[in-house]
C-alpha atoms as a PDB file:
ATOM      1  CA  MET A   1     -39.379-129.309 -46.568  1.00  0.00           C
ATOM      2  CA  SER A   2     -38.965-125.787 -48.101  1.00  0.00           C
ATOM      3  CA  PHE A   3     -40.993-127.209 -51.272  1.00  0.00           C
ATOM      4  CA  CYS A   4     -43.986-127.893 -49.093  1.00  0.00           C
ATOM      5  CA  ARG A   5     -43.911-124.483 -47.090  1.00  0.00           C
ATOM      6  CA  THR A   6     -43.368-123.017 -50.915  1.00  0.00           C
ATOM      7  CA  LEU A   7     -46.952-123.821 -51.546  1.00  0.00           C
ATOM      8  CA  ILE A   8     -48.322-120.808 -49.572  1.00  0.00           C
ATOM      9  CA  ARG A   9     -45.661-118.819 -50.105  1.00  0.00           C
ATOM     10  CA  THR A  10     -46.504-114.970 -50.130  1.00  0.00           C
ATOM     11  CA  ARG A  11     -44.851-112.987 -53.197  1.00  0.00           C
ATOM     12  CA  ASP A  12     -43.589-110.524 -50.404  1.00  0.00           C
ATOM     13  CA  LYS A  13     -39.889-109.570 -49.951  1.00  0.00           C
ATOM     14  CA  GLY A  14     -39.096-112.170 -46.655  1.00  0.00           C
ATOM     15  CA  PRO A  15     -40.164-115.209 -45.612  1.00  0.00           C
ATOM     16  CA  GLY A  16     -43.745-115.661 -45.037  1.00  0.00           C
ATOM     17  CA  THR A  17     -47.494-117.153 -45.536  1.00  0.00           C
ATOM     18  CA  ALA A  18     -50.060-115.940 -48.238  1.00  0.00           C
ATOM     19  CA  GLU A  19     -52.836-114.347 -46.723  1.00  0.00           C
ATOM     20  CA  THR A  20     -54.690-113.713 -49.837  1.00  0.00           C
ATOM     21  CA  VAL A  21     -54.651-115.564 -52.730  1.00  0.00           C
ATOM     22  CA  GLU A  22     -52.882-112.102 -54.943  1.00  0.00           C
ATOM     23  CA  ARG A  23     -50.243-112.672 -52.308  1.00  0.00           C
ATOM     24  CA  LEU A  24     -49.147-116.403 -53.159  1.00  0.00           C
ATOM     25  CA  PHE A  25     -46.532-116.909 -55.136  1.00  0.00           C
ATOM     26  CA  PHE A  26     -47.743-120.362 -57.120  1.00  0.00           C
ATOM     27  CA  LYS A  27     -51.083-118.891 -57.503  1.00  0.00           C
ATOM     28  CA  HIS A  28     -51.726-120.708 -60.478  1.00  0.00           C
ATOM     29  CA  LEU A  29     -50.215-123.928 -60.078  1.00  0.00           C
ATOM     30  CA  LYS A  30     -51.538-127.162 -61.491  1.00  0.00           C
ATOM     31  CA  SER A  31     -49.284-129.948 -60.860  1.00  0.00           C
ATOM     32  CA  LEU A  32     -46.098-130.874 -58.843  1.00  0.00           C
ATOM     33  CA  ALA A  33     -43.773-133.891 -59.088  1.00  0.00           C
ATOM     34  CA  VAL A  34     -42.329-135.300 -55.925  1.00  0.00           C
ATOM     35  CA  ARG A  35     -39.093-137.167 -56.566  1.00  0.00           C
ATOM     36  CA  ASN A  36     -36.480-139.150 -54.743  1.00  0.00           C
ATOM     37  CA  VAL A  37     -37.906-137.701 -51.677  1.00  0.00           C
ATOM     38  CA  ASP A  38     -37.942-139.353 -48.059  1.00  0.00           C
ATOM     39  CA  LEU A  39     -41.659-138.424 -47.294  1.00  0.00           C
ATOM     40  CA  LEU A  40     -41.365-140.258 -43.789  1.00  0.00           C
ATOM     41  CA  ASP A  41     -38.579-138.033 -42.953  1.00  0.00           C
ATOM     42  CA  MET A  42     -38.993-136.457 -39.642  1.00  0.00           C
ATOM     43  CA  ASP A  43     -35.806-134.583 -39.584  1.00  0.00           C
ATOM     44  CA  ASN A  44     -37.249-131.524 -40.985  1.00  0.00           C
ATOM     45  CA  GLY A  45     -37.988-128.775 -38.045  1.00  0.00           C
ATOM     46  CA  TYR A  46     -41.401-129.173 -37.749  1.00  0.00           C
ATOM     47  CA  GLY A  47     -41.562-132.488 -35.965  1.00  0.00           C
ATOM     48  CA  GLN A  48     -44.027-134.057 -38.707  1.00  0.00           C
ATOM     49  CA  PRO A  49     -43.488-136.435 -40.994  1.00  0.00           C
ATOM     50  CA  LEU A  50     -43.028-134.745 -44.916  1.00  0.00           C
ATOM     51  CA  HIS A  51     -45.576-136.176 -46.566  1.00  0.00           C
ATOM     52  CA  MET A  52     -48.196-134.802 -43.485  1.00  0.00           C
ATOM     53  CA  LEU A  53     -46.392-131.383 -44.134  1.00  0.00           C
ATOM     54  CA  LEU A  54     -47.164-131.562 -48.051  1.00  0.00           C
ATOM     55  CA  ALA A  55     -50.773-132.567 -47.464  1.00  0.00           C
ATOM     56  CA  THR A  56     -50.950-129.921 -44.823  1.00  0.00           C
ATOM     57  CA  TRP A  57     -49.776-126.927 -47.358  1.00  0.00           C
ATOM     58  CA  LEU A  58     -51.445-128.708 -49.762  1.00  0.00           C
ATOM     59  CA  SER A  59     -54.931-128.097 -47.673  1.00  0.00           C
ATOM     60  CA  ARG A  60     -53.679-124.840 -46.266  1.00  0.00           C
ATOM     61  CA  ARG A  61     -53.885-123.931 -50.140  1.00  0.00           C
ATOM     62  CA  GLN A  62     -56.811-125.188 -50.945  1.00  0.00           C
ATOM     63  CA  GLU A  63     -58.340-123.567 -48.364  1.00  0.00           C
ATOM     64  CA  LEU A  64     -56.673-119.951 -49.649  1.00  0.00           C
ATOM     65  CA  LEU A  65     -58.299-120.718 -53.306  1.00  0.00           C
ATOM     66  CA  ASP A  66     -61.592-121.745 -51.796  1.00  0.00           C
ATOM     67  CA  GLY A  67     -62.068-118.399 -49.326  1.00  0.00           C
ATOM     68  CA  ASP A  68     -60.625-115.913 -52.521  1.00  0.00           C
ATOM     69  CA  LYS A  69     -63.634-117.433 -54.947  1.00  0.00           C
ATOM     70  CA  ALA A  70     -66.241-116.389 -52.186  1.00  0.00           C
ATOM     71  CA  PHE A  71     -64.516-112.610 -51.007  1.00  0.00           C
ATOM     72  CA  SER A  72     -63.816-111.652 -54.955  1.00  0.00           C
ATOM     73  CA  ARG A  73     -68.135-111.942 -55.085  1.00  0.00           C
ATOM     74  CA  GLY A  74     -68.852-110.358 -51.652  1.00  0.00           C
ATOM     75  CA  GLU A  75     -70.935-113.781 -50.632  1.00  0.00           C
ATOM     76  CA  LYS A  76     -70.268-116.555 -48.398  1.00  0.00           C
ATOM     77  CA  ALA A  77     -67.993-119.486 -49.126  1.00  0.00           C
ATOM     78  CA  SER A  78     -71.034-121.579 -48.825  1.00  0.00           C
ATOM     79  CA  GLU A  79     -73.068-119.435 -51.483  1.00  0.00           C
ATOM     80  CA  VAL A  80     -70.164-119.960 -54.246  1.00  0.00           C
ATOM     81  CA  GLU A  81     -70.872-122.454 -57.120  1.00  0.00           C
ATOM     82  CA  THR A  82     -68.705-125.795 -55.884  1.00  0.00           C
ATOM     83  CA  VAL A  83     -65.155-125.308 -57.641  1.00  0.00           C
ATOM     84  CA  ASP A  84     -62.317-128.007 -57.004  1.00  0.00           C
ATOM     85  CA  ASN A  85     -59.635-126.086 -55.872  1.00  0.00           C
ATOM     86  CA  ARG A  86     -57.111-128.854 -54.964  1.00  0.00           C
ATOM     87  CA  LEU A  87     -53.971-129.353 -56.979  1.00  0.00           C
ATOM     88  CA  GLU A  88     -54.772-131.220 -60.330  1.00  0.00           C
ATOM     89  CA  HIS A  89     -51.412-133.112 -60.479  1.00  0.00           C
ATOM     90  CA  LEU A  90     -49.347-134.279 -58.063  1.00  0.00           C
ATOM     91  CA  GLN A  91     -47.099-137.057 -58.970  1.00  0.00           C
ATOM     92  CA  VAL A  92     -45.127-139.164 -56.272  1.00  0.00           C
ATOM     93  CA  THR A  93     -42.114-141.361 -57.527  1.00  0.00           C
ATOM     94  CA  GLN A  94     -38.864-142.906 -56.356  1.00  0.00           C
ATOM     95  CA  CYS A  95     -40.143-142.083 -52.973  1.00  0.00           C
ATOM     96  CA  SER A  96     -39.592-143.404 -50.029  1.00  0.00           C
ATOM     97  CA  VAL A  97     -42.764-143.773 -48.393  1.00  0.00           C
ATOM     98  CA  MET A  98     -45.541-146.325 -47.015  1.00  0.00           C
ATOM     99  CA  ASP A  99     -48.862-147.472 -48.747  1.00  0.00           C
ATOM    100  CA  LYS A 100     -50.119-146.133 -45.771  1.00  0.00           C
ATOM    101  CA  TYR A 101     -49.474-143.292 -45.566  1.00  0.00           C
ATOM    102  CA  VAL A 102     -50.336-141.840 -48.922  1.00  0.00           C
ATOM    103  CA  TRP A 103     -53.933-141.585 -48.550  1.00  0.00           C
ATOM    104  CA  GLY A 104     -53.802-137.983 -47.245  1.00  0.00           C
ATOM    105  CA  LEU A 105     -51.888-136.754 -50.517  1.00  0.00           C
ATOM    106  CA  ARG A 106     -54.935-138.383 -52.524  1.00  0.00           C
ATOM    107  CA  ALA A 107     -57.497-136.247 -50.188  1.00  0.00           C
ATOM    108  CA  VAL A 108     -55.477-133.260 -51.094  1.00  0.00           C
ATOM    109  CA  THR A 109     -54.848-133.218 -54.947  1.00  0.00           C
ATOM    110  CA  GLN A 110     -58.008-134.393 -57.617  1.00  0.00           C
ATOM    111  CA  ASN A 111     -55.654-136.752 -59.520  1.00  0.00           C
ATOM    112  CA  PHE A 112     -52.885-138.354 -57.894  1.00  0.00           C
ATOM    113  CA  VAL A 113     -50.165-140.751 -59.031  1.00  0.00           C
ATOM    114  CA  TRP A 114     -47.791-142.850 -57.614  1.00  0.00           C
ATOM    115  CA  ASP A 115     -45.909-145.489 -58.554  1.00  0.00           C
ATOM    116  CA  HIS A 116     -45.716-147.719 -55.506  1.00  0.00           C
ATOM    117  CA  CYS A 117     -42.023-147.260 -54.645  1.00  0.00           C
ATOM    118  CA  GLU A 118     -41.905-147.895 -51.372  1.00  0.00           C
ATOM    119  CA  GLY A 119     -38.173-146.660 -51.064  1.00  0.00           C
ATOM    120  CA  ARG A 120     -36.215-147.744 -47.976  1.00  0.00           C
ATOM    121  CA  TYR A 121     -39.203-148.713 -46.413  1.00  0.00           C
ATOM    122  CA  ALA A 122     -40.501-151.674 -48.471  1.00  0.00           C
ATOM    123  CA  ARG A 123     -38.009-153.702 -46.644  1.00  0.00           C
ATOM    124  CA  ILE A 124     -38.987-152.730 -43.240  1.00  0.00           C
ATOM    125  CA  GLU A 125     -43.404-154.003 -44.067  1.00  0.00           C
ATOM    126  CA  GLU A 126     -41.820-157.344 -45.581  1.00  0.00           C
ATOM    127  CA  SER A 127     -39.476-157.956 -42.449  1.00  0.00           C
ATOM    128  CA  GLU A 128     -42.724-157.234 -40.869  1.00  0.00           C
ATOM    129  CA  GLU A 129     -44.671-159.862 -42.721  1.00  0.00           C
ATOM    130  CA  THR A 130     -42.198-162.452 -42.352  1.00  0.00           C
ATOM    131  CA  GLU A 131     -41.868-162.287 -38.887  1.00  0.00           C
ATOM    132  CA  GLU A 132     -45.517-162.910 -38.035  1.00  0.00           C
ATOM    133  CA  THR A 133     -45.794-165.947 -40.931  1.00  0.00           C
ATOM    134  CA  GLU A 134     -42.751-167.069 -38.610  1.00  0.00           C
ATOM    135  CA  ASP A 135     -44.978-166.422 -35.346  1.00  0.00           C
ATOM    136  CA  GLU A 136     -47.938-168.276 -36.919  1.00  0.00           C
ATOM    137  CA  SER A 137     -46.208-171.220 -37.975  1.00  0.00           C
ATOM    138  CA  VAL A 138     -44.766-172.384 -34.419  1.00  0.00           C
ATOM    139  CA  HIS A 139     -47.219-175.286 -32.483  1.00  0.00           C
ATOM    140  CA  ASP A 140     -46.826-176.559 -29.214  1.00  0.00           C
ATOM    141  CA  ILE A 141     -45.637-180.412 -29.569  1.00  0.00           C
END
């Protein structure tokens, strides 16, 4: 889980969140690959699944970058030309996550690549579909 929080970590010594882009540890991060992670895991100390935490930290990072452009020119954020400060590329491979949960990751990246591997959750969704089909095939005689 710490890799999520590292996205907005400060360059200063000790733990903390960057308040400005200059203090952002990975200021020039363009691409991120996430592999072999259970993105629905909630045993992370935050009480949210990892896919939500990753989307949240990427969004906060984008907000820092958006605010910095306006601040550096002394303008309001609404007056600055539109620049897409979302992460340029996020690749999710061999991770356990269901299709219905990856939309949040798509929203916070410019180019989202997912191998459609649902890992251990693929069987859960298939089991639910099988049960629904069996329920529909039961008829009163």
